[in-house]
Amino acid sequence: MIYHIAGKEILKGIISTGIYSPKGLKNEGFIHCSTKEQVVKVANRFYAIQKDLILLEIEENNLQSNIVYENLEGGRELFPHIYGPIPLDAINGMAVLMQGENGYSFPLKWHSIDDVLTW
């Protein structure tokens, strides 16, 4: 599994179109993702002041687009980048990304797409 951090507002678009194709895909050519071990560090570094974040759990085997593990900033740590849109059936689950006193933590409670329809 790989993970993607996004604003909660993207859920309606995913549900209505059956696909996730964020602005970053158009602007950069890929969708930024993280491994499970990278999620908290990325969330705290890049999203510390944002609210209403969700985490998409993505099943790599259900993607039709290429996934490349790379670091485009010159560092040693490799991050998964998806070079194309994410179909609904590749999204294994969704969770609210909660922020506490010490920053974000990895979600313990996950929801299916059917659960999300009631949010």
PDB file of N, CA and C in Angstrom:
ATOM      1  N   MET A   1       0.835  -1.188   0.000  1.00  0.00           N
ATOM      2  CA  MET A   1       0.000   0.000   0.000  1.00  0.00           C
ATOM      3  C   MET A   1       0.877   1.247   0.000  1.00  0.00           C
ATOM      4  N   ILE A   2       0.384   2.265  -0.678  1.00  0.00           N
ATOM      5  CA  ILE A   2       0.988   3.588  -0.604  1.00  0.00           C
ATOM      6  C   ILE A   2      -0.118   4.559  -0.228  1.00  0.00           C
ATOM      7  N   TYR A   3       0.262   5.779   0.155  1.00  0.00           N
ATOM      8  CA  TYR A   3      -0.691   6.715   0.745  1.00  0.00           C
ATOM      9  C   TYR A   3      -0.557   8.088   0.114  1.00  0.00           C
ATOM     10  N   HIS A   4      -1.693   8.788   0.058  1.00  0.00           N
ATOM     11  CA  HIS A   4      -1.722  10.146  -0.480  1.00  0.00           C
ATOM     12  C   HIS A   4      -2.509  11.041   0.469  1.00  0.00           C
ATOM     13  N   ILE A   5      -1.938  12.169   0.827  1.00  0.00           N
ATOM     14  CA  ILE A   5      -2.586  13.154   1.695  1.00  0.00           C
ATOM     15  C   ILE A   5      -3.332  14.155   0.825  1.00  0.00           C
ATOM     16  N   ALA A   6      -4.572  14.441   1.202  1.00  0.00           N
ATOM     17  CA  ALA A   6      -5.376  15.387   0.429  1.00  0.00           C
ATOM     18  C   ALA A   6      -6.368  16.090   1.346  1.00  0.00           C
ATOM     19  N   GLY A   7      -6.965  17.143   0.830  1.00  0.00           N
ATOM     20  CA  GLY A   7      -8.031  17.834   1.545  1.00  0.00           C
ATOM     21  C   GLY A   7      -9.320  17.038   1.443  1.00  0.00           C
ATOM     22  N   LYS A   8     -10.125  17.097   2.487  1.00  0.00           N
ATOM     23  CA  LYS A   8     -11.378  16.353   2.541  1.00  0.00           C
ATOM     24  C   LYS A   8     -12.325  16.712   1.385  1.00  0.00           C
ATOM     25  N   GLU A   9     -12.173  17.915   0.850  1.00  0.00           N
ATOM     26  CA  GLU A   9     -13.074  18.376  -0.210  1.00  0.00           C
ATOM     27  C   GLU A   9     -12.957  17.562  -1.499  1.00  0.00           C
ATOM     28  N   ILE A  10     -11.907  16.788  -1.664  1.00  0.00           N
ATOM     29  CA  ILE A  10     -11.726  16.017  -2.903  1.00  0.00           C
ATOM     30  C   ILE A  10     -12.653  14.805  -2.967  1.00  0.00           C
ATOM     31  N   LEU A  11     -13.247  14.429  -1.837  1.00  0.00           N
ATOM     32  CA  LEU A  11     -14.056  13.214  -1.799  1.00  0.00           C
ATOM     33  C   LEU A  11     -15.246  13.256  -2.750  1.00  0.00           C
ATOM     34  N   LYS A  12     -15.929  14.371  -2.822  1.00  0.00           N
ATOM     35  CA  LYS A  12     -17.090  14.472  -3.710  1.00  0.00           C
ATOM     36  C   LYS A  12     -16.690  14.230  -5.158  1.00  0.00           C
ATOM     37  N   GLY A  13     -15.552  14.780  -5.565  1.00  0.00           N
ATOM     38  CA  GLY A  13     -15.071  14.583  -6.932  1.00  0.00           C
ATOM     39  C   GLY A  13     -14.741  13.130  -7.219  1.00  0.00           C
ATOM     40  N   ILE A  14     -14.095  12.470  -6.275  1.00  0.00           N
ATOM     41  CA  ILE A  14     -13.761  11.059  -6.459  1.00  0.00           C
ATOM     42  C   ILE A  14     -15.028  10.220  -6.569  1.00  0.00           C
ATOM     43  N   ILE A  15     -15.979  10.487  -5.704  1.00  0.00           N
ATOM     44  CA  ILE A  15     -17.224   9.722  -5.690  1.00  0.00           C
ATOM     45  C   ILE A  15     -18.024   9.966  -6.963  1.00  0.00           C
ATOM     46  N   SER A  16     -18.083  11.202  -7.430  1.00  0.00           N
ATOM     47  CA  SER A  16     -18.903  11.500  -8.615  1.00  0.00           C
ATOM     48  C   SER A  16     -18.255  11.059  -9.927  1.00  0.00           C
ATOM     49  N   THR A  17     -16.928  11.103 -10.007  1.00  0.00           N
ATOM     50  CA  THR A  17     -16.264  10.753 -11.266  1.00  0.00           C
ATOM     51  C   THR A  17     -15.679   9.344 -11.269  1.00  0.00           C
ATOM     52  N   GLY A  18     -15.438   8.789 -10.085  1.00  0.00           N
ATOM     53  CA  GLY A  18     -14.832   7.471 -10.007  1.00  0.00           C
ATOM     54  C   GLY A  18     -13.337   7.484 -10.231  1.00  0.00           C
ATOM     55  N   ILE A  19     -12.757   8.676 -10.193  1.00  0.00           N
ATOM     56  CA  ILE A  19     -11.324   8.813 -10.439  1.00  0.00           C
ATOM     57  C   ILE A  19     -10.783  10.000  -9.663  1.00  0.00           C
ATOM     58  N   TYR A  20      -9.525   9.899  -9.258  1.00  0.00           N
ATOM     59  CA  TYR A  20      -8.867  11.008  -8.561  1.00  0.00           C
ATOM     60  C   TYR A  20      -7.749  11.514  -9.448  1.00  0.00           C
ATOM     61  N   SER A  21      -7.887  12.757  -9.866  1.00  0.00           N
ATOM     62  CA  SER A  21      -6.916  13.393 -10.742  1.00  0.00           C
ATOM     63  C   SER A  21      -6.667  14.817 -10.239  1.00  0.00           C
ATOM     64  N   PRO A  22      -5.809  14.972  -9.217  1.00  0.00           N
ATOM     65  CA  PRO A  22      -5.605  16.276  -8.585  1.00  0.00           C
ATOM     66  C   PRO A  22      -4.830  17.247  -9.470  1.00  0.00           C
ATOM     67  N   LYS A  23      -4.862  18.520  -9.079  1.00  0.00           N
ATOM     68  CA  LYS A  23      -4.152  19.568  -9.825  1.00  0.00           C
ATOM     69  C   LYS A  23      -2.666  19.253  -9.961  1.00  0.00           C
ATOM     70  N   GLY A  24      -2.088  18.647  -8.942  1.00  0.00           N
ATOM     71  CA  GLY A  24      -0.668  18.303  -8.986  1.00  0.00           C
ATOM     72  C   GLY A  24      -0.320  17.386 -10.136  1.00  0.00           C
ATOM     73  N   LEU A  25      -1.237  16.513 -10.521  1.00  0.00           N
ATOM     74  CA  LEU A  25      -0.997  15.627 -11.655  1.00  0.00           C
ATOM     75  C   LEU A  25      -0.844  16.441 -12.933  1.00  0.00           C
ATOM     76  N   LYS A  26      -1.718  17.413 -13.113  1.00  0.00           N
ATOM     77  CA  LYS A  26      -1.642  18.258 -14.304  1.00  0.00           C
ATOM     78  C   LYS A  26      -0.406  19.157 -14.261  1.00  0.00           C
ATOM     79  N   ASN A  27      -0.120  19.731 -13.105  1.00  0.00           N
ATOM     80  CA  ASN A  27       0.990  20.676 -12.977  1.00  0.00           C
ATOM     81  C   ASN A  27       2.363  20.013 -12.975  1.00  0.00           C
ATOM     82  N   GLU A  28       2.468  18.859 -12.314  1.00  0.00           N
ATOM     83  CA  GLU A  28       3.774  18.220 -12.141  1.00  0.00           C
ATOM     84  C   GLU A  28       3.929  16.924 -12.937  1.00  0.00           C
ATOM     85  N   GLY A  29       2.815  16.371 -13.369  1.00  0.00           N
ATOM     86  CA  GLY A  29       2.871  15.148 -14.147  1.00  0.00           C
ATOM     87  C   GLY A  29       2.754  13.877 -13.313  1.00  0.00           C
ATOM     88  N   PHE A  30       2.612  14.012 -11.998  1.00  0.00           N
ATOM     89  CA  PHE A  30       2.476  12.854 -11.125  1.00  0.00           C
ATOM     90  C   PHE A  30       1.756  13.249  -9.848  1.00  0.00           C
ATOM     91  N   ILE A  31       1.345  12.234  -9.090  1.00  0.00           N
ATOM     92  CA  ILE A  31       0.688  12.434  -7.801  1.00  0.00           C
ATOM     93  C   ILE A  31       1.676  12.023  -6.709  1.00  0.00           C
ATOM     94  N   HIS A  32       1.939  12.942  -5.796  1.00  0.00           N
ATOM     95  CA  HIS A  32       2.836  12.672  -4.672  1.00  0.00           C
ATOM     96  C   HIS A  32       2.204  11.654  -3.731  1.00  0.00           C
ATOM     97  N   CYS A  33       2.957  10.648  -3.353  1.00  0.00           N
ATOM     98  CA  CYS A  33       2.498   9.663  -2.379  1.00  0.00           C
ATOM     99  C   CYS A  33       3.607   9.380  -1.380  1.00  0.00           C
ATOM    100  N   SER A  34       3.279   8.580  -0.394  1.00  0.00           N
ATOM    101  CA  SER A  34       4.227   8.202   0.657  1.00  0.00           C
ATOM    102  C   SER A  34       4.037   6.737   0.997  1.00  0.00           C
ATOM    103  N   THR A  35       5.073   6.150   1.551  1.00  0.00           N
ATOM    104  CA  THR A  35       4.937   4.837   2.152  1.00  0.00           C
ATOM    105  C   THR A  35       4.323   5.046   3.533  1.00  0.00           C
ATOM    106  N   LYS A  36       3.928   3.973   4.181  1.00  0.00           N
ATOM    107  CA  LYS A  36       3.349   4.084   5.520  1.00  0.00           C
ATOM    108  C   LYS A  36       4.325   4.768   6.478  1.00  0.00           C
ATOM    109  N   GLU A  37       5.594   4.441   6.353  1.00  0.00           N
ATOM    110  CA  GLU A  37       6.619   5.008   7.234  1.00  0.00           C
ATOM    111  C   GLU A  37       6.856   6.492   6.983  1.00  0.00           C
ATOM    112  N   GLN A  38       6.506   6.997   5.828  1.00  0.00           N
ATOM    113  CA  GLN A  38       6.753   8.392   5.468  1.00  0.00           C
ATOM    114  C   GLN A  38       5.581   9.326   5.754  1.00  0.00           C
ATOM    115  N   VAL A  39       4.387   8.785   5.927  1.00  0.00           N
ATOM    116  CA  VAL A  39       3.170   9.596   6.027  1.00  0.00           C
ATOM    117  C   VAL A  39       3.248  10.669   7.109  1.00  0.00           C
ATOM    118  N   VAL A  40       3.567  10.292   8.328  1.00  0.00           N
ATOM    119  CA  VAL A  40       3.553  11.246   9.447  1.00  0.00           C
ATOM    120  C   VAL A  40       4.593  12.340   9.231  1.00  0.00           C
ATOM    121  N   LYS A  41       5.762  11.973   8.781  1.00  0.00           N
ATOM    122  CA  LYS A  41       6.818  12.953   8.538  1.00  0.00           C
ATOM    123  C   LYS A  41       6.400  13.954   7.445  1.00  0.00           C
ATOM    124  N   VAL A  42       5.822  13.451   6.377  1.00  0.00           N
ATOM    125  CA  VAL A  42       5.360  14.323   5.281  1.00  0.00           C
ATOM    126  C   VAL A  42       4.228  15.223   5.759  1.00  0.00           C
ATOM    127  N   ALA A  43       3.267  14.653   6.484  1.00  0.00           N
ATOM    128  CA  ALA A  43       2.131  15.436   6.985  1.00  0.00           C
ATOM    129  C   ALA A  43       2.599  16.571   7.882  1.00  0.00           C
ATOM    130  N   ASN A  44       3.498  16.271   8.791  1.00  0.00           N
ATOM    131  CA  ASN A  44       3.980  17.295   9.721  1.00  0.00           C
ATOM    132  C   ASN A  44       4.869  18.333   9.039  1.00  0.00           C
ATOM    133  N   ARG A  45       5.567  17.939   8.017  1.00  0.00           N
ATOM    134  CA  ARG A  45       6.462  18.884   7.321  1.00  0.00           C
ATOM    135  C   ARG A  45       5.707  19.811   6.366  1.00  0.00           C
ATOM    136  N   PHE A  46       4.784  19.251   5.605  1.00  0.00           N
ATOM    137  CA  PHE A  46       4.146  20.023   4.540  1.00  0.00           C
ATOM    138  C   PHE A  46       2.709  20.476   4.830  1.00  0.00           C
ATOM    139  N   TYR A  47       2.058  19.879   5.817  1.00  0.00           N
ATOM    140  CA  TYR A  47       0.648  20.168   6.061  1.00  0.00           C
ATOM    141  C   TYR A  47       0.359  20.584   7.505  1.00  0.00           C
ATOM    142  N   ALA A  48       1.367  21.026   8.219  1.00  0.00           N
ATOM    143  CA  ALA A  48       1.240  21.316   9.651  1.00  0.00           C
ATOM    144  C   ALA A  48       0.125  22.300   9.989  1.00  0.00           C
ATOM    145  N   ILE A  49      -0.137  23.271   9.130  1.00  0.00           N
ATOM    146  CA  ILE A  49      -1.152  24.280   9.448  1.00  0.00           C
ATOM    147  C   ILE A  49      -2.486  24.035   8.746  1.00  0.00           C
ATOM    148  N   GLN A  50      -2.616  22.939   8.016  1.00  0.00           N
ATOM    149  CA  GLN A  50      -3.855  22.653   7.306  1.00  0.00           C
ATOM    150  C   GLN A  50      -4.788  21.794   8.151  1.00  0.00           C
ATOM    151  N   LYS A  51      -6.052  21.946   7.912  1.00  0.00           N
ATOM    152  CA  LYS A  51      -7.094  21.185   8.607  1.00  0.00           C
ATOM    153  C   LYS A  51      -7.900  20.394   7.582  1.00  0.00           C
ATOM    154  N   ASP A  52      -8.755  19.516   8.055  1.00  0.00           N
ATOM    155  CA  ASP A  52      -9.633  18.709   7.208  1.00  0.00           C
ATOM    156  C   ASP A  52      -8.871  17.892   6.171  1.00  0.00           C
ATOM    157  N   LEU A  53      -7.814  17.225   6.623  1.00  0.00           N
ATOM    158  CA  LEU A  53      -7.039  16.379   5.731  1.00  0.00           C
ATOM    159  C   LEU A  53      -7.484  14.927   5.841  1.00  0.00           C
ATOM    160  N   ILE A  54      -7.388  14.239   4.720  1.00  0.00           N
ATOM    161  CA  ILE A  54      -7.654  12.812   4.699  1.00  0.00           C
ATOM    162  C   ILE A  54      -6.423  12.105   4.140  1.00  0.00           C
ATOM    163  N   LEU A  55      -6.387  10.821   4.373  1.00  0.00           N
ATOM    164  CA  LEU A  55      -5.321   9.987   3.845  1.00  0.00           C
ATOM    165  C   LEU A  55      -5.967   8.896   3.007  1.00  0.00           C
ATOM    166  N   LEU A  56      -5.554   8.804   1.746  1.00  0.00           N
ATOM    167  CA  LEU A  56      -6.040   7.750   0.865  1.00  0.00           C
ATOM    168  C   LEU A  56      -5.071   6.579   0.939  1.00  0.00           C
ATOM    169  N   GLU A  57      -5.597   5.397   1.150  1.00  0.00           N
ATOM    170  CA  GLU A  57      -4.782   4.183   1.116  1.00  0.00           C
ATOM    171  C   GLU A  57      -4.962   3.568  -0.271  1.00  0.00           C
ATOM    172  N   ILE A  58      -3.868   3.470  -1.003  1.00  0.00           N
ATOM    173  CA  ILE A  58      -3.925   3.098  -2.411  1.00  0.00           C
ATOM    174  C   ILE A  58      -3.286   1.728  -2.618  1.00  0.00           C
ATOM    175  N   GLU A  59      -4.026   0.854  -3.262  1.00  0.00           N
ATOM    176  CA  GLU A  59      -3.532  -0.480  -3.601  1.00  0.00           C
ATOM    177  C   GLU A  59      -2.768  -0.380  -4.922  1.00  0.00           C
ATOM    178  N   GLU A  60      -1.468  -0.520  -4.838  1.00  0.00           N
ATOM    179  CA  GLU A  60      -0.611  -0.359  -6.023  1.00  0.00           C
ATOM    180  C   GLU A  60      -0.986  -1.305  -7.155  1.00  0.00           C
ATOM    181  N   ASN A  61      -1.405  -2.514  -6.823  1.00  0.00           N
ATOM    182  CA  ASN A  61      -1.733  -3.501  -7.860  1.00  0.00           C
ATOM    183  C   ASN A  61      -2.978  -3.140  -8.665  1.00  0.00           C
ATOM    184  N   ASN A  62      -3.789  -2.209  -8.167  1.00  0.00           N
ATOM    185  CA  ASN A  62      -5.000  -1.807  -8.884  1.00  0.00           C
ATOM    186  C   ASN A  62      -4.808  -0.535  -9.711  1.00  0.00           C
ATOM    187  N   LEU A  63      -3.597  -0.031  -9.751  1.00  0.00           N
ATOM    188  CA  LEU A  63      -3.309   1.159 -10.551  1.00  0.00           C
ATOM    189  C   LEU A  63      -2.956   0.756 -11.980  1.00  0.00           C
ATOM    190  N   GLN A  64      -3.400   1.554 -12.918  1.00  0.00           N
ATOM    191  CA  GLN A  64      -3.027   1.332 -14.311  1.00  0.00           C
ATOM    192  C   GLN A  64      -1.841   2.209 -14.686  1.00  0.00           C
ATOM    193  N   SER A  65      -1.604   3.225 -13.889  1.00  0.00           N
ATOM    194  CA  SER A  65      -0.513   4.166 -14.144  1.00  0.00           C
ATOM    195  C   SER A  65       0.779   3.654 -13.516  1.00  0.00           C
ATOM    196  N   ASN A  66       1.894   4.143 -14.034  1.00  0.00           N
ATOM    197  CA  ASN A  66       3.198   3.781 -13.496  1.00  0.00           C
ATOM    198  C   ASN A  66       3.427   4.415 -12.130  1.00  0.00           C
ATOM    199  N   ILE A  67       4.079   3.667 -11.261  1.00  0.00           N
ATOM    200  CA  ILE A  67       4.535   4.178  -9.972  1.00  0.00           C
ATOM    201  C   ILE A  67       6.050   4.169 -10.019  1.00  0.00           C
ATOM    202  N   VAL A  68       6.644   5.314  -9.709  1.00  0.00           N
ATOM    203  CA  VAL A  68       8.096   5.415  -9.691  1.00  0.00           C
ATOM    204  C   VAL A  68       8.516   5.872  -8.302  1.00  0.00           C
ATOM    205  N   TYR A  69       9.427   5.120  -7.692  1.00  0.00           N
ATOM    206  CA  TYR A  69       9.996   5.508  -6.402  1.00  0.00           C
ATOM    207  C   TYR A  69      11.228   6.347  -6.705  1.00  0.00           C
ATOM    208  N   GLU A  70      11.139   7.616  -6.319  1.00  0.00           N
ATOM    209  CA  GLU A  70      12.210   8.540  -6.678  1.00  0.00           C
ATOM    210  C   GLU A  70      12.266   9.693  -5.686  1.00  0.00           C
ATOM    211  N   ASN A  71      13.353  10.433  -5.743  1.00  0.00           N
ATOM    212  CA  ASN A  71      13.488  11.660  -4.970  1.00  0.00           C
ATOM    213  C   ASN A  71      13.924  12.733  -5.942  1.00  0.00           C
ATOM    214  N   LEU A  72      13.021  13.622  -6.265  1.00  0.00           N
ATOM    215  CA  LEU A  72      13.291  14.658  -7.252  1.00  0.00           C
ATOM    216  C   LEU A  72      13.968  15.888  -6.660  1.00  0.00           C
ATOM    217  N   GLU A  73      14.171  15.866  -5.345  1.00  0.00           N
ATOM    218  CA  GLU A  73      14.832  16.984  -4.670  1.00  0.00           C
ATOM    219  C   GLU A  73      16.294  16.675  -4.365  1.00  0.00           C
ATOM    220  N   GLY A  74      16.766  15.526  -4.799  1.00  0.00           N
ATOM    221  CA  GLY A  74      18.164  15.184  -4.607  1.00  0.00           C
ATOM    222  C   GLY A  74      18.494  14.447  -3.334  1.00  0.00           C
ATOM    223  N   GLY A  75      17.505  14.119  -2.537  1.00  0.00           N
ATOM    224  CA  GLY A  75      17.763  13.387  -1.300  1.00  0.00           C
ATOM    225  C   GLY A  75      17.881  11.893  -1.544  1.00  0.00           C
ATOM    226  N   ARG A  76      18.148  11.165  -0.481  1.00  0.00           N
ATOM    227  CA  ARG A  76      18.324   9.720  -0.583  1.00  0.00           C
ATOM    228  C   ARG A  76      17.012   8.954  -0.437  1.00  0.00           C
ATOM    229  N   GLU A  77      16.070   9.523   0.316  1.00  0.00           N
ATOM    230  CA  GLU A  77      14.808   8.833   0.564  1.00  0.00           C
ATOM    231  C   GLU A  77      13.936   8.866  -0.686  1.00  0.00           C
ATOM    232  N   LEU A  78      13.435   7.710  -1.077  1.00  0.00           N
ATOM    233  CA  LEU A  78      12.609   7.602  -2.276  1.00  0.00           C
ATOM    234  C   LEU A  78      11.129   7.636  -1.903  1.00  0.00           C
ATOM    235  N   PHE A  79      10.359   8.372  -2.687  1.00  0.00           N
ATOM    236  CA  PHE A  79       8.922   8.514  -2.475  1.00  0.00           C
ATOM    237  C   PHE A  79       8.184   7.965  -3.689  1.00  0.00           C
ATOM    238  N   PRO A  80       7.048   7.298  -3.470  1.00  0.00           N
ATOM    239  CA  PRO A  80       6.269   6.805  -4.606  1.00  0.00           C
ATOM    240  C   PRO A  80       5.517   7.942  -5.292  1.00  0.00           C
ATOM    241  N   HIS A  81       5.670   8.011  -6.593  1.00  0.00           N
ATOM    242  CA  HIS A  81       4.952   8.987  -7.414  1.00  0.00           C
ATOM    243  C   HIS A  81       4.125   8.209  -8.434  1.00  0.00           C
ATOM    244  N   ILE A  82       2.841   8.556  -8.528  1.00  0.00           N
ATOM    245  CA  ILE A  82       1.948   7.902  -9.476  1.00  0.00           C
ATOM    246  C   ILE A  82       1.830   8.795 -10.707  1.00  0.00           C
ATOM    247  N   TYR A  83       2.205   8.274 -11.862  1.00  0.00           N
ATOM    248  CA  TYR A  83       2.203   9.037 -13.104  1.00  0.00           C
ATOM    249  C   TYR A  83       0.907   8.818 -13.882  1.00  0.00           C
ATOM    250  N   GLY A  84      -0.176   9.229 -13.263  1.00  0.00           N
ATOM    251  CA  GLY A  84      -1.490   9.130 -13.874  1.00  0.00           C
ATOM    252  C   GLY A  84      -2.557   9.214 -12.806  1.00  0.00           C
ATOM    253  N   PRO A  85      -3.819   9.233 -13.213  1.00  0.00           N
ATOM    254  CA  PRO A  85      -4.920   9.342 -12.242  1.00  0.00           C
ATOM    255  C   PRO A  85      -5.081   8.050 -11.438  1.00  0.00           C
ATOM    256  N   ILE A  86      -5.785   8.172 -10.321  1.00  0.00           N
ATOM    257  CA  ILE A  86      -6.049   7.029  -9.447  1.00  0.00           C
ATOM    258  C   ILE A  86      -7.523   6.640  -9.602  1.00  0.00           C
ATOM    259  N   PRO A  87      -7.798   5.436 -10.113  1.00  0.00           N
ATOM    260  CA  PRO A  87      -9.198   5.005 -10.221  1.00  0.00           C
ATOM    261  C   PRO A  87      -9.759   4.645  -8.847  1.00  0.00           C
ATOM    262  N   LEU A  88     -11.046   4.776  -8.712  1.00  0.00           N
ATOM    263  CA  LEU A  88     -11.724   4.512  -7.448  1.00  0.00           C
ATOM    264  C   LEU A  88     -11.411   3.120  -6.904  1.00  0.00           C
ATOM    265  N   ASP A  89     -11.304   2.132  -7.766  1.00  0.00           N
ATOM    266  CA  ASP A  89     -11.064   0.772  -7.273  1.00  0.00           C
ATOM    267  C   ASP A  89      -9.644   0.554  -6.760  1.00  0.00           C
ATOM    268  N   ALA A  90      -8.765   1.532  -6.939  1.00  0.00           N
ATOM    269  CA  ALA A  90      -7.409   1.449  -6.376  1.00  0.00           C
ATOM    270  C   ALA A  90      -7.355   2.062  -4.972  1.00  0.00           C
ATOM    271  N   ILE A  91      -8.418   2.771  -4.590  1.00  0.00           N
ATOM    272  CA  ILE A  91      -8.466   3.378  -3.255  1.00  0.00           C
ATOM    273  C   ILE A  91      -9.044   2.351  -2.298  1.00  0.00           C
ATOM    274  N   ASN A  92      -8.163   1.757  -1.510  1.00  0.00           N
ATOM    275  CA  ASN A  92      -8.538   0.682  -0.602  1.00  0.00           C
ATOM    276  C   ASN A  92      -9.298   1.207   0.611  1.00  0.00           C
ATOM    277  N   GLY A  93      -8.956   2.414   1.054  1.00  0.00           N
ATOM    278  CA  GLY A  93      -9.611   3.002   2.203  1.00  0.00           C
ATOM    279  C   GLY A  93      -9.276   4.470   2.339  1.00  0.00           C
ATOM    280  N   MET A  94     -10.000   5.130   3.227  1.00  0.00           N
ATOM    281  CA  MET A  94      -9.781   6.549   3.509  1.00  0.00           C
ATOM    282  C   MET A  94      -9.858   6.754   5.007  1.00  0.00           C
ATOM    283  N   ALA A  95      -9.061   7.683   5.494  1.00  0.00           N
ATOM    284  CA  ALA A  95      -9.071   7.979   6.923  1.00  0.00           C
ATOM    285  C   ALA A  95      -8.881   9.473   7.124  1.00  0.00           C
ATOM    286  N   VAL A  96      -9.457   9.976   8.193  1.00  0.00           N
ATOM    287  CA  VAL A  96      -9.222  11.366   8.578  1.00  0.00           C
ATOM    288  C   VAL A  96      -7.826  11.422   9.181  1.00  0.00           C
ATOM    289  N   LEU A  97      -7.052  12.393   8.769  1.00  0.00           N
ATOM    290  CA  LEU A  97      -5.703  12.574   9.309  1.00  0.00           C
ATOM    291  C   LEU A  97      -5.819  13.506  10.507  1.00  0.00           C
ATOM    292  N   MET A  98      -5.618  12.948  11.686  1.00  0.00           N
ATOM    293  CA  MET A  98      -5.815  13.695  12.927  1.00  0.00           C
ATOM    294  C   MET A  98      -4.513  14.336  13.396  1.00  0.00           C
ATOM    295  N   GLN A  99      -4.654  15.544  13.926  1.00  0.00           N
ATOM    296  CA  GLN A  99      -3.503  16.285  14.430  1.00  0.00           C
ATOM    297  C   GLN A  99      -3.654  16.479  15.938  1.00  0.00           C
ATOM    298  N   GLY A 100      -2.634  16.101  16.679  1.00  0.00           N
ATOM    299  CA  GLY A 100      -2.629  16.262  18.124  1.00  0.00           C
ATOM    300  C   GLY A 100      -1.569  17.265  18.543  1.00  0.00           C
ATOM    301  N   GLU A 101      -1.242  17.264  19.813  1.00  0.00           N
ATOM    302  CA  GLU A 101      -0.241  18.192  20.346  1.00  0.00           C
ATOM    303  C   GLU A 101       1.122  18.036  19.679  1.00  0.00           C
ATOM    304  N   ASN A 102       1.457  16.810  19.327  1.00  0.00           N
ATOM    305  CA  ASN A 102       2.759  16.535  18.728  1.00  0.00           C
ATOM    306  C   ASN A 102       2.696  16.390  17.215  1.00  0.00           C
ATOM    307  N   GLY A 103       1.647  16.920  16.607  1.00  0.00           N
ATOM    308  CA  GLY A 103       1.510  16.845  15.152  1.00  0.00           C
ATOM    309  C   GLY A 103       0.590  15.703  14.747  1.00  0.00           C
ATOM    310  N   TYR A 104       0.691  15.329  13.494  1.00  0.00           N
ATOM    311  CA  TYR A 104      -0.159  14.277  12.942  1.00  0.00           C
ATOM    312  C   TYR A 104       0.307  12.904  13.395  1.00  0.00           C
ATOM    313  N   SER A 105      -0.628  11.963  13.386  1.00  0.00           N
ATOM    314  CA  SER A 105      -0.304  10.575  13.658  1.00  0.00           C
ATOM    315  C   SER A 105      -0.980   9.710  12.591  1.00  0.00           C
ATOM    316  N   PHE A 106      -0.462   8.528  12.395  1.00  0.00           N
ATOM    317  CA  PHE A 106      -1.019   7.624  11.392  1.00  0.00           C
ATOM    318  C   PHE A 106      -2.396   7.154  11.857  1.00  0.00           C
ATOM    319  N   PRO A 107      -3.390   7.189  10.975  1.00  0.00           N
ATOM    320  CA  PRO A 107      -4.761   6.819  11.359  1.00  0.00           C
ATOM    321  C   PRO A 107      -4.887   5.367  11.810  1.00  0.00           C
ATOM    322  N   LEU A 108      -5.741   5.163  12.780  1.00  0.00           N
ATOM    323  CA  LEU A 108      -6.055   3.822  13.251  1.00  0.00           C
ATOM    324  C   LEU A 108      -7.384   3.342  12.678  1.00  0.00           C
ATOM    325  N   LYS A 109      -8.267   4.284  12.365  1.00  0.00           N
ATOM    326  CA  LYS A 109      -9.598   3.941  11.858  1.00  0.00           C
ATOM    327  C   LYS A 109      -9.696   4.290  10.368  1.00  0.00           C
ATOM    328  N   TRP A 110     -10.031   3.294   9.583  1.00  0.00           N
ATOM    329  CA  TRP A 110     -10.157   3.467   8.139  1.00  0.00           C
ATOM    330  C   TRP A 110     -11.600   3.257   7.713  1.00  0.00           C
ATOM    331  N   HIS A 111     -11.964   3.875   6.589  1.00  0.00           N
ATOM    332  CA  HIS A 111     -13.324   3.803   6.059  1.00  0.00           C
ATOM    333  C   HIS A 111     -13.283   3.332   4.612  1.00  0.00           C
ATOM    334  N   SER A 112     -14.308   2.629   4.225  1.00  0.00           N
ATOM    335  CA  SER A 112     -14.470   2.263   2.820  1.00  0.00           C
ATOM    336  C   SER A 112     -15.119   3.442   2.099  1.00  0.00           C
ATOM    337  N   ILE A 113     -15.158   3.386   0.804  1.00  0.00           N
ATOM    338  CA  ILE A 113     -15.795   4.453   0.024  1.00  0.00           C
ATOM    339  C   ILE A 113     -17.280   4.544   0.373  1.00  0.00           C
ATOM    340  N   ASP A 114     -17.918   3.423   0.673  1.00  0.00           N
ATOM    341  CA  ASP A 114     -19.340   3.446   1.054  1.00  0.00           C
ATOM    342  C   ASP A 114     -19.532   4.209   2.361  1.00  0.00           C
ATOM    343  N   ASP A 115     -18.622   4.030   3.298  1.00  0.00           N
ATOM    344  CA  ASP A 115     -18.692   4.775   4.559  1.00  0.00           C
ATOM    345  C   ASP A 115     -18.588   6.274   4.324  1.00  0.00           C
ATOM    346  N   VAL A 116     -17.741   6.648   3.402  1.00  0.00           N
ATOM    347  CA  VAL A 116     -17.449   8.057   3.153  1.00  0.00           C
ATOM    348  C   VAL A 116     -18.673   8.801   2.614  1.00  0.00           C
ATOM    349  N   LEU A 117     -19.555   8.086   1.947  1.00  0.00           N
ATOM    350  CA  LEU A 117     -20.755   8.729   1.408  1.00  0.00           C
ATOM    351  C   LEU A 117     -21.590   9.383   2.501  1.00  0.00           C
ATOM    352  N   THR A 118     -21.438   8.951   3.740  1.00  0.00           N
ATOM    353  CA  THR A 118     -22.217   9.509   4.827  1.00  0.00           C
ATOM    354  C   THR A 118     -21.488  10.637   5.575  1.00  0.00           C
ATOM    355  N   TRP A 119     -20.279  10.975   5.184  1.00  0.00           N
ATOM    356  CA  TRP A 119     -19.517  12.027   5.874  1.00  0.00           C
ATOM    357  C   TRP A 119     -20.153  13.376   5.666  1.00  0.00           C
TER     358      TRP A 119
END
